[in-house]
Amino acid sequence: MFLIAAAVIAGISQPEYVTCHRQKMLEINGEKVCIYRGVNGTIGYHYPTLSFRECPKVYQCRYQSSKDKKPTINEILDGLKGGFE
């Protein structure tokens, strides 16, 4: 019983999917992309097949905690620059 309760609590504290809201709709090299943003910097992508009308305003994204956040290009360049000084 304790194991089941621990699993439920762990699932609530770190959900696998979170609600993300549409931020941008872009067309890159002829491919349509809808970008969604959720809690703790979670980002999700949806690729519509015909038009941007296929992109809902709200989308379920796979949760990415801030500790799993990848560094930005500027952060990488700053780290490299610091190594050459």
PDB file of N, CA and C in Angstrom:
ATOM      1  N   MET A   1       0.829  -1.200   0.000  1.00  0.00           N
ATOM      2  CA  MET A   1       0.000   0.000   0.000  1.00  0.00           C
ATOM      3  C   MET A   1       0.865   1.252   0.000  1.00  0.00           C
ATOM      4  N   PHE A   2       1.933   1.220   0.817  1.00  0.00           N
ATOM      5  CA  PHE A   2       2.826   2.384   0.891  1.00  0.00           C
ATOM      6  C   PHE A   2       3.477   2.657  -0.453  1.00  0.00           C
ATOM      7  N   LEU A   3       3.863   1.594  -1.169  1.00  0.00           N
ATOM      8  CA  LEU A   3       4.509   1.735  -2.465  1.00  0.00           C
ATOM      9  C   LEU A   3       3.577   2.395  -3.477  1.00  0.00           C
ATOM     10  N   ILE A   4       2.319   2.034  -3.454  1.00  0.00           N
ATOM     11  CA  ILE A   4       1.334   2.634  -4.363  1.00  0.00           C
ATOM     12  C   ILE A   4       1.162   4.111  -4.049  1.00  0.00           C
ATOM     13  N   ALA A   5       1.069   4.461  -2.772  1.00  0.00           N
ATOM     14  CA  ALA A   5       0.918   5.870  -2.380  1.00  0.00           C
ATOM     15  C   ALA A   5       2.142   6.672  -2.787  1.00  0.00           C
ATOM     16  N   ALA A   6       3.331   6.117  -2.637  1.00  0.00           N
ATOM     17  CA  ALA A   6       4.557   6.813  -3.040  1.00  0.00           C
ATOM     18  C   ALA A   6       4.591   7.042  -4.544  1.00  0.00           C
ATOM     19  N   ALA A   7       4.133   6.073  -5.311  1.00  0.00           N
ATOM     20  CA  ALA A   7       4.101   6.216  -6.766  1.00  0.00           C
ATOM     21  C   ALA A   7       3.113   7.295  -7.189  1.00  0.00           C
ATOM     22  N   VAL A   8       1.973   7.357  -6.529  1.00  0.00           N
ATOM     23  CA  VAL A   8       0.971   8.386  -6.844  1.00  0.00           C
ATOM     24  C   VAL A   8       1.507   9.770  -6.516  1.00  0.00           C
ATOM     25  N   ILE A   9       2.137   9.918  -5.369  1.00  0.00           N
ATOM     26  CA  ILE A   9       2.697  11.212  -4.972  1.00  0.00           C
ATOM     27  C   ILE A   9       3.811  11.626  -5.926  1.00  0.00           C
ATOM     28  N   ALA A  10       4.660  10.708  -6.333  1.00  0.00           N
ATOM     29  CA  ALA A  10       5.732  11.023  -7.286  1.00  0.00           C
ATOM     30  C   ALA A  10       5.157  11.464  -8.625  1.00  0.00           C
ATOM     31  N   GLY A  11       4.059  10.834  -9.052  1.00  0.00           N
ATOM     32  CA  GLY A  11       3.415  11.218 -10.301  1.00  0.00           C
ATOM     33  C   GLY A  11       2.801  12.589 -10.245  1.00  0.00           C
ATOM     34  N   ILE A  12       2.318  12.996  -9.086  1.00  0.00           N
ATOM     35  CA  ILE A  12       1.729  14.327  -8.929  1.00  0.00           C
ATOM     36  C   ILE A  12       2.819  15.383  -8.873  1.00  0.00           C
ATOM     37  N   SER A  13       3.913  15.098  -8.185  1.00  0.00           N
ATOM     38  CA  SER A  13       4.966  16.091  -8.037  1.00  0.00           C
ATOM     39  C   SER A  13       5.731  16.303  -9.333  1.00  0.00           C
ATOM     40  N   GLN A  14       5.865  15.285 -10.179  1.00  0.00           N
ATOM     41  CA  GLN A  14       6.505  15.426 -11.480  1.00  0.00           C
ATOM     42  C   GLN A  14       5.639  14.755 -12.537  1.00  0.00           C
ATOM     43  N   PRO A  15       4.670  15.493 -13.070  1.00  0.00           N
ATOM     44  CA  PRO A  15       3.773  14.897 -14.060  1.00  0.00           C
ATOM     45  C   PRO A  15       4.522  14.591 -15.353  1.00  0.00           C
ATOM     46  N   GLU A  16       4.070  13.568 -16.058  1.00  0.00           N
ATOM     47  CA  GLU A  16       4.713  13.218 -17.321  1.00  0.00           C
ATOM     48  C   GLU A  16       4.330  14.212 -18.418  1.00  0.00           C
ATOM     49  N   TYR A  17       3.078  14.685 -18.394  1.00  0.00           N
ATOM     50  CA  TYR A  17       2.614  15.659 -19.377  1.00  0.00           C
ATOM     51  C   TYR A  17       2.025  16.857 -18.655  1.00  0.00           C
ATOM     52  N   VAL A  18       2.203  18.039 -19.232  1.00  0.00           N
ATOM     53  CA  VAL A  18       1.642  19.267 -18.674  1.00  0.00           C
ATOM     54  C   VAL A  18       0.906  20.017 -19.778  1.00  0.00           C
ATOM     55  N   THR A  19       0.059  20.935 -19.385  1.00  0.00           N
ATOM     56  CA  THR A  19      -0.671  21.746 -20.344  1.00  0.00           C
ATOM     57  C   THR A  19       0.220  22.875 -20.837  1.00  0.00           C
ATOM     58  N   CYS A  20       0.369  22.967 -22.154  1.00  0.00           N
ATOM     59  CA  CYS A  20       1.171  24.017 -22.782  1.00  0.00           C
ATOM     60  C   CYS A  20       0.260  24.882 -23.648  1.00  0.00           C
ATOM     61  N   HIS A  21       0.601  26.145 -23.752  1.00  0.00           N
ATOM     62  CA  HIS A  21      -0.184  27.085 -24.545  1.00  0.00           C
ATOM     63  C   HIS A  21       0.608  27.504 -25.773  1.00  0.00           C
ATOM     64  N   ARG A  22      -0.099  27.684 -26.873  1.00  0.00           N
ATOM     65  CA  ARG A  22       0.541  28.042 -28.140  1.00  0.00           C
ATOM     66  C   ARG A  22       1.204  29.408 -28.034  1.00  0.00           C
ATOM     67  N   GLN A  23       2.477  29.481 -28.431  1.00  0.00           N
ATOM     68  CA  GLN A  23       3.224  30.724 -28.405  1.00  0.00           C
ATOM     69  C   GLN A  23       3.464  31.274 -29.803  1.00  0.00           C
ATOM     70  N   LYS A  24       3.863  30.399 -30.729  1.00  0.00           N
ATOM     71  CA  LYS A  24       4.183  30.846 -32.084  1.00  0.00           C
ATOM     72  C   LYS A  24       3.765  29.802 -33.101  1.00  0.00           C
ATOM     73  N   MET A  25       3.539  30.282 -34.309  1.00  0.00           N
ATOM     74  CA  MET A  25       3.311  29.411 -35.456  1.00  0.00           C
ATOM     75  C   MET A  25       4.286  29.878 -36.537  1.00  0.00           C
ATOM     76  N   LEU A  26       5.176  28.995 -36.953  1.00  0.00           N
ATOM     77  CA  LEU A  26       6.216  29.354 -37.908  1.00  0.00           C
ATOM     78  C   LEU A  26       6.197  28.414 -39.100  1.00  0.00           C
ATOM     79  N   GLU A  27       6.696  28.923 -40.220  1.00  0.00           N
ATOM     80  CA  GLU A  27       6.924  28.081 -41.386  1.00  0.00           C
ATOM     81  C   GLU A  27       8.403  28.176 -41.713  1.00  0.00           C
ATOM     82  N   ILE A  28       9.101  27.040 -41.608  1.00  0.00           N
ATOM     83  CA  ILE A  28      10.537  26.992 -41.819  1.00  0.00           C
ATOM     84  C   ILE A  28      10.817  26.011 -42.950  1.00  0.00           C
ATOM     85  N   ASN A  29      11.410  26.523 -44.015  1.00  0.00           N
ATOM     86  CA  ASN A  29      11.720  25.695 -45.195  1.00  0.00           C
ATOM     87  C   ASN A  29      10.498  24.927 -45.692  1.00  0.00           C
ATOM     88  N   GLY A  30       9.346  25.582 -45.694  1.00  0.00           N
ATOM     89  CA  GLY A  30       8.118  24.974 -46.184  1.00  0.00           C
ATOM     90  C   GLY A  30       7.428  24.040 -45.198  1.00  0.00           C
ATOM     91  N   GLU A  31       7.990  23.858 -44.006  1.00  0.00           N
ATOM     92  CA  GLU A  31       7.392  22.992 -42.993  1.00  0.00           C
ATOM     93  C   GLU A  31       6.768  23.840 -41.888  1.00  0.00           C
ATOM     94  N   LYS A  32       5.515  23.569 -41.583  1.00  0.00           N
ATOM     95  CA  LYS A  32       4.797  24.318 -40.550  1.00  0.00           C
ATOM     96  C   LYS A  32       5.110  23.746 -39.173  1.00  0.00           C
ATOM     97  N   VAL A  33       5.327  24.647 -38.200  1.00  0.00           N
ATOM     98  CA  VAL A  33       5.635  24.236 -36.833  1.00  0.00           C
ATOM     99  C   VAL A  33       4.874  25.133 -35.874  1.00  0.00           C
ATOM    100  N   CYS A  34       4.198  24.525 -34.899  1.00  0.00           N
ATOM    101  CA  CYS A  34       3.545  25.267 -33.828  1.00  0.00           C
ATOM    102  C   CYS A  34       4.360  25.024 -32.558  1.00  0.00           C
ATOM    103  N   ILE A  35       4.704  26.106 -31.872  1.00  0.00           N
ATOM    104  CA  ILE A  35       5.533  26.021 -30.679  1.00  0.00           C
ATOM    105  C   ILE A  35       4.681  26.327 -29.463  1.00  0.00           C
ATOM    106  N   TYR A  36       4.801  25.478 -28.447  1.00  0.00           N
ATOM    107  CA  TYR A  36       4.014  25.593 -27.221  1.00  0.00           C
ATOM    108  C   TYR A  36       4.940  25.744 -26.026  1.00  0.00           C
ATOM    109  N   ARG A  37       4.471  26.489 -25.005  1.00  0.00           N
ATOM    110  CA  ARG A  37       5.247  26.687 -23.793  1.00  0.00           C
ATOM    111  C   ARG A  37       4.397  26.325 -22.586  1.00  0.00           C
ATOM    112  N   GLY A  38       5.043  25.627 -21.628  1.00  0.00           N
ATOM    113  CA  GLY A  38       4.366  25.214 -20.402  1.00  0.00           C
ATOM    114  C   GLY A  38       5.177  25.589 -19.173  1.00  0.00           C
ATOM    115  N   VAL A  39       4.900  24.943 -18.052  1.00  0.00           N
ATOM    116  CA  VAL A  39       5.547  25.261 -16.779  1.00  0.00           C
ATOM    117  C   VAL A  39       7.028  24.887 -16.804  1.00  0.00           C
ATOM    118  N   ASN A  40       7.805  25.608 -16.013  1.00  0.00           N
ATOM    119  CA  ASN A  40       9.250  25.383 -15.852  1.00  0.00           C
ATOM    120  C   ASN A  40      10.005  25.352 -17.168  1.00  0.00           C
ATOM    121  N   GLY A  41       9.586  26.160 -18.118  1.00  0.00           N
ATOM    122  CA  GLY A  41      10.293  26.233 -19.393  1.00  0.00           C
ATOM    123  C   GLY A  41      10.046  25.064 -20.323  1.00  0.00           C
ATOM    124  N   THR A  42       9.008  24.289 -20.061  1.00  0.00           N
ATOM    125  CA  THR A  42       8.678  23.163 -20.939  1.00  0.00           C
ATOM    126  C   THR A  42       8.290  23.696 -22.307  1.00  0.00           C
ATOM    127  N   ILE A  43       8.850  23.099 -23.341  1.00  0.00           N
ATOM    128  CA  ILE A  43       8.547  23.507 -24.712  1.00  0.00           C
ATOM    129  C   ILE A  43       8.071  22.285 -25.475  1.00  0.00           C
ATOM    130  N   GLY A  44       7.019  22.474 -26.263  1.00  0.00           N
ATOM    131  CA  GLY A  44       6.492  21.396 -27.085  1.00  0.00           C
ATOM    132  C   GLY A  44       6.314  21.868 -28.515  1.00  0.00           C
ATOM    133  N   TYR A  45       6.343  20.921 -29.442  1.00  0.00           N
ATOM    134  CA  TYR A  45       6.205  21.224 -30.861  1.00  0.00           C
ATOM    135  C   TYR A  45       5.109  20.368 -31.458  1.00  0.00           C
ATOM    136  N   HIS A  46       4.377  20.960 -32.402  1.00  0.00           N
ATOM    137  CA  HIS A  46       3.351  20.232 -33.145  1.00  0.00           C
ATOM    138  C   HIS A  46       3.541  20.584 -34.614  1.00  0.00           C
ATOM    139  N   TYR A  47       3.515  19.576 -35.464  1.00  0.00           N
ATOM    140  CA  TYR A  47       3.735  19.781 -36.895  1.00  0.00           C
ATOM    141  C   TYR A  47       2.437  19.489 -37.647  1.00  0.00           C
ATOM    142  N   PRO A  48       1.681  20.547 -37.999  1.00  0.00           N
ATOM    143  CA  PRO A  48       0.431  20.323 -38.739  1.00  0.00           C
ATOM    144  C   PRO A  48       0.723  19.862 -40.168  1.00  0.00           C
ATOM    145  N   THR A  49      -0.189  19.102 -40.734  1.00  0.00           N
ATOM    146  CA  THR A  49       0.037  18.574 -42.077  1.00  0.00           C
ATOM    147  C   THR A  49      -0.463  19.512 -43.176  1.00  0.00           C
ATOM    148  N   LEU A  50      -1.596  20.191 -42.947  1.00  0.00           N
ATOM    149  CA  LEU A  50      -2.158  21.025 -44.005  1.00  0.00           C
ATOM    150  C   LEU A  50      -2.092  22.520 -43.715  1.00  0.00           C
ATOM    151  N   SER A  51      -2.575  22.923 -42.543  1.00  0.00           N
ATOM    152  CA  SER A  51      -2.604  24.353 -42.233  1.00  0.00           C
ATOM    153  C   SER A  51      -2.438  24.581 -40.736  1.00  0.00           C
ATOM    154  N   PHE A  52      -2.215  25.837 -40.380  1.00  0.00           N
ATOM    155  CA  PHE A  52      -2.038  26.189 -38.971  1.00  0.00           C
ATOM    156  C   PHE A  52      -3.335  26.044 -38.170  1.00  0.00           C
ATOM    157  N   ARG A  53      -4.462  25.883 -38.843  1.00  0.00           N
ATOM    158  CA  ARG A  53      -5.725  25.661 -38.132  1.00  0.00           C
ATOM    159  C   ARG A  53      -5.718  24.340 -37.370  1.00  0.00           C
ATOM    160  N   GLU A  54      -4.784  23.462 -37.691  1.00  0.00           N
ATOM    161  CA  GLU A  54      -4.659  22.189 -36.989  1.00  0.00           C
ATOM    162  C   GLU A  54      -3.954  22.339 -35.640  1.00  0.00           C
ATOM    163  N   CYS A  55      -3.423  23.525 -35.345  1.00  0.00           N
ATOM    164  CA  CYS A  55      -2.691  23.758 -34.090  1.00  0.00           C
ATOM    165  C   CYS A  55      -3.662  24.249 -33.018  1.00  0.00           C
ATOM    166  N   PRO A  56      -3.947  23.430 -32.019  1.00  0.00           N
ATOM    167  CA  PRO A  56      -4.849  23.885 -30.948  1.00  0.00           C
ATOM    168  C   PRO A  56      -4.179  24.955 -30.087  1.00  0.00           C
ATOM    169  N   LYS A  57      -4.992  25.738 -29.401  1.00  0.00           N
ATOM    170  CA  LYS A  57      -4.457  26.769 -28.503  1.00  0.00           C
ATOM    171  C   LYS A  57      -3.779  26.147 -27.294  1.00  0.00           C
ATOM    172  N   VAL A  58      -4.274  24.993 -26.858  1.00  0.00           N
ATOM    173  CA  VAL A  58      -3.726  24.283 -25.700  1.00  0.00           C
ATOM    174  C   VAL A  58      -3.311  22.889 -26.154  1.00  0.00           C
ATOM    175  N   TYR A  59      -2.151  22.443 -25.684  1.00  0.00           N
ATOM    176  CA  TYR A  59      -1.562  21.180 -26.132  1.00  0.00           C
ATOM    177  C   TYR A  59      -0.915  20.495 -24.934  1.00  0.00           C
ATOM    178  N   GLN A  60      -0.956  19.193 -24.880  1.00  0.00           N
ATOM    179  CA  GLN A  60      -0.312  18.441 -23.791  1.00  0.00           C
ATOM    180  C   GLN A  60       1.133  18.137 -24.189  1.00  0.00           C
ATOM    181  N   CYS A  61       2.083  18.771 -23.490  1.00  0.00           N
ATOM    182  CA  CYS A  61       3.508  18.610 -23.778  1.00  0.00           C
ATOM    183  C   CYS A  61       4.138  17.663 -22.772  1.00  0.00           C
ATOM    184  N   ARG A  62       5.177  16.980 -23.194  1.00  0.00           N
ATOM    185  CA  ARG A  62       5.952  16.151 -22.259  1.00  0.00           C
ATOM    186  C   ARG A  62       6.718  17.093 -21.336  1.00  0.00           C
ATOM    187  N   TYR A  63       6.577  16.869 -20.031  1.00  0.00           N
ATOM    188  CA  TYR A  63       7.174  17.736 -19.015  1.00  0.00           C
ATOM    189  C   TYR A  63       8.695  17.670 -19.058  1.00  0.00           C
ATOM    190  N   GLN A  64       9.316  18.851 -19.025  1.00  0.00           N
ATOM    191  CA  GLN A  64      10.773  18.970 -18.938  1.00  0.00           C
ATOM    192  C   GLN A  64      11.064  19.882 -17.764  1.00  0.00           C
ATOM    193  N   SER A  65      11.634  19.321 -16.714  1.00  0.00           N
ATOM    194  CA  SER A  65      11.939  20.171 -15.569  1.00  0.00           C
ATOM    195  C   SER A  65      13.098  21.088 -15.912  1.00  0.00           C
ATOM    196  N   SER A  66      13.245  22.152 -15.149  1.00  0.00           N
ATOM    197  CA  SER A  66      14.299  23.122 -15.430  1.00  0.00           C
ATOM    198  C   SER A  66      15.681  22.500 -15.294  1.00  0.00           C
ATOM    199  N   LYS A  67      15.834  21.435 -14.499  1.00  0.00           N
ATOM    200  CA  LYS A  67      17.142  20.789 -14.374  1.00  0.00           C
ATOM    201  C   LYS A  67      17.499  20.026 -15.643  1.00  0.00           C
ATOM    202  N   ASP A  68      16.495  19.657 -16.448  1.00  0.00           N
ATOM    203  CA  ASP A  68      16.744  18.975 -17.717  1.00  0.00           C
ATOM    204  C   ASP A  68      16.887  19.958 -18.880  1.00  0.00           C
ATOM    205  N   LYS A  69      16.828  21.234 -18.580  1.00  0.00           N
ATOM    206  CA  LYS A  69      16.865  22.261 -19.613  1.00  0.00           C
ATOM    207  C   LYS A  69      18.231  22.276 -20.289  1.00  0.00           C
ATOM    208  N   LYS A  70      18.219  22.296 -21.598  1.00  0.00           N
ATOM    209  CA  LYS A  70      19.457  22.318 -22.362  1.00  0.00           C
ATOM    210  C   LYS A  70      20.019  23.744 -22.392  1.00  0.00           C
ATOM    211  N   PRO A  71      21.342  23.885 -22.435  1.00  0.00           N
ATOM    212  CA  PRO A  71      21.920  25.229 -22.496  1.00  0.00           C
ATOM    213  C   PRO A  71      21.629  25.882 -23.842  1.00  0.00           C
ATOM    214  N   THR A  72      21.527  27.207 -23.831  1.00  0.00           N
ATOM    215  CA  THR A  72      21.317  27.948 -25.066  1.00  0.00           C
ATOM    216  C   THR A  72      22.645  28.120 -25.787  1.00  0.00           C
ATOM    217  N   ILE A  73      22.578  28.561 -27.022  1.00  0.00           N
ATOM    218  CA  ILE A  73      23.792  28.805 -27.800  1.00  0.00           C
ATOM    219  C   ILE A  73      24.656  29.859 -27.111  1.00  0.00           C
ATOM    220  N   ASN A  74      24.025  30.911 -26.606  1.00  0.00           N
ATOM    221  CA  ASN A  74      24.786  31.964 -25.924  1.00  0.00           C
ATOM    222  C   ASN A  74      25.484  31.422 -24.680  1.00  0.00           C
ATOM    223  N   GLU A  75      24.843  30.541 -23.936  1.00  0.00           N
ATOM    224  CA  GLU A  75      25.472  29.943 -22.756  1.00  0.00           C
ATOM    225  C   GLU A  75      26.671  29.084 -23.152  1.00  0.00           C
ATOM    226  N   ILE A  76      26.539  28.354 -24.242  1.00  0.00           N
ATOM    227  CA  ILE A  76      27.658  27.535 -24.724  1.00  0.00           C
ATOM    228  C   ILE A  76      28.817  28.422 -25.151  1.00  0.00           C
ATOM    229  N   LEU A  77      28.513  29.494 -25.915  1.00  0.00           N
ATOM    230  CA  LEU A  77      29.565  30.405 -26.363  1.00  0.00           C
ATOM    231  C   LEU A  77      30.245  31.105 -25.186  1.00  0.00           C
ATOM    232  N   ASP A  78      29.461  31.500 -24.184  1.00  0.00           N
ATOM    233  CA  ASP A  78      30.057  32.115 -23.006  1.00  0.00           C
ATOM    234  C   ASP A  78      30.983  31.149 -22.268  1.00  0.00           C
ATOM    235  N   GLY A  79      30.596  29.890 -22.189  1.00  0.00           N
ATOM    236  CA  GLY A  79      31.440  28.887 -21.565  1.00  0.00           C
ATOM    237  C   GLY A  79      32.741  28.662 -22.347  1.00  0.00           C
ATOM    238  N   LEU A  80      32.637  28.636 -23.659  1.00  0.00           N
ATOM    239  CA  LEU A  80      33.838  28.474 -24.476  1.00  0.00           C
ATOM    240  C   LEU A  80      34.747  29.693 -24.365  1.00  0.00           C
ATOM    241  N   LYS A  81      34.122  30.873 -24.360  1.00  0.00           N
ATOM    242  CA  LYS A  81      34.902  32.101 -24.268  1.00  0.00           C
ATOM    243  C   LYS A  81      35.675  32.131 -22.955  1.00  0.00           C
ATOM    244  N   GLY A  82      35.051  31.688 -21.885  1.00  0.00           N
ATOM    245  CA  GLY A  82      35.715  31.648 -20.574  1.00  0.00           C
ATOM    246  C   GLY A  82      36.884  30.679 -20.563  1.00  0.00           C
ATOM    247  N   GLY A  83      36.837  29.634 -21.363  1.00  0.00           N
ATOM    248  CA  GLY A  83      37.911  28.662 -21.423  1.00  0.00           C
ATOM    249  C   GLY A  83      39.148  29.151 -22.148  1.00  0.00           C
ATOM    250  N   PHE A  84      38.979  30.169 -23.003  1.00  0.00           N
ATOM    251  CA  PHE A  84      40.116  30.690 -23.762  1.00  0.00           C
ATOM    252  C   PHE A  84      40.782  31.890 -23.124  1.00  0.00           C
ATOM    253  N   GLU A  85      40.241  32.368 -22.018  1.00  0.00           N
ATOM    254  CA  GLU A  85      40.819  33.546 -21.362  1.00  0.00           C
ATOM    255  C   GLU A  85      41.985  33.183 -20.503  1.00  0.00           C
TER     256      GLU A  85
END
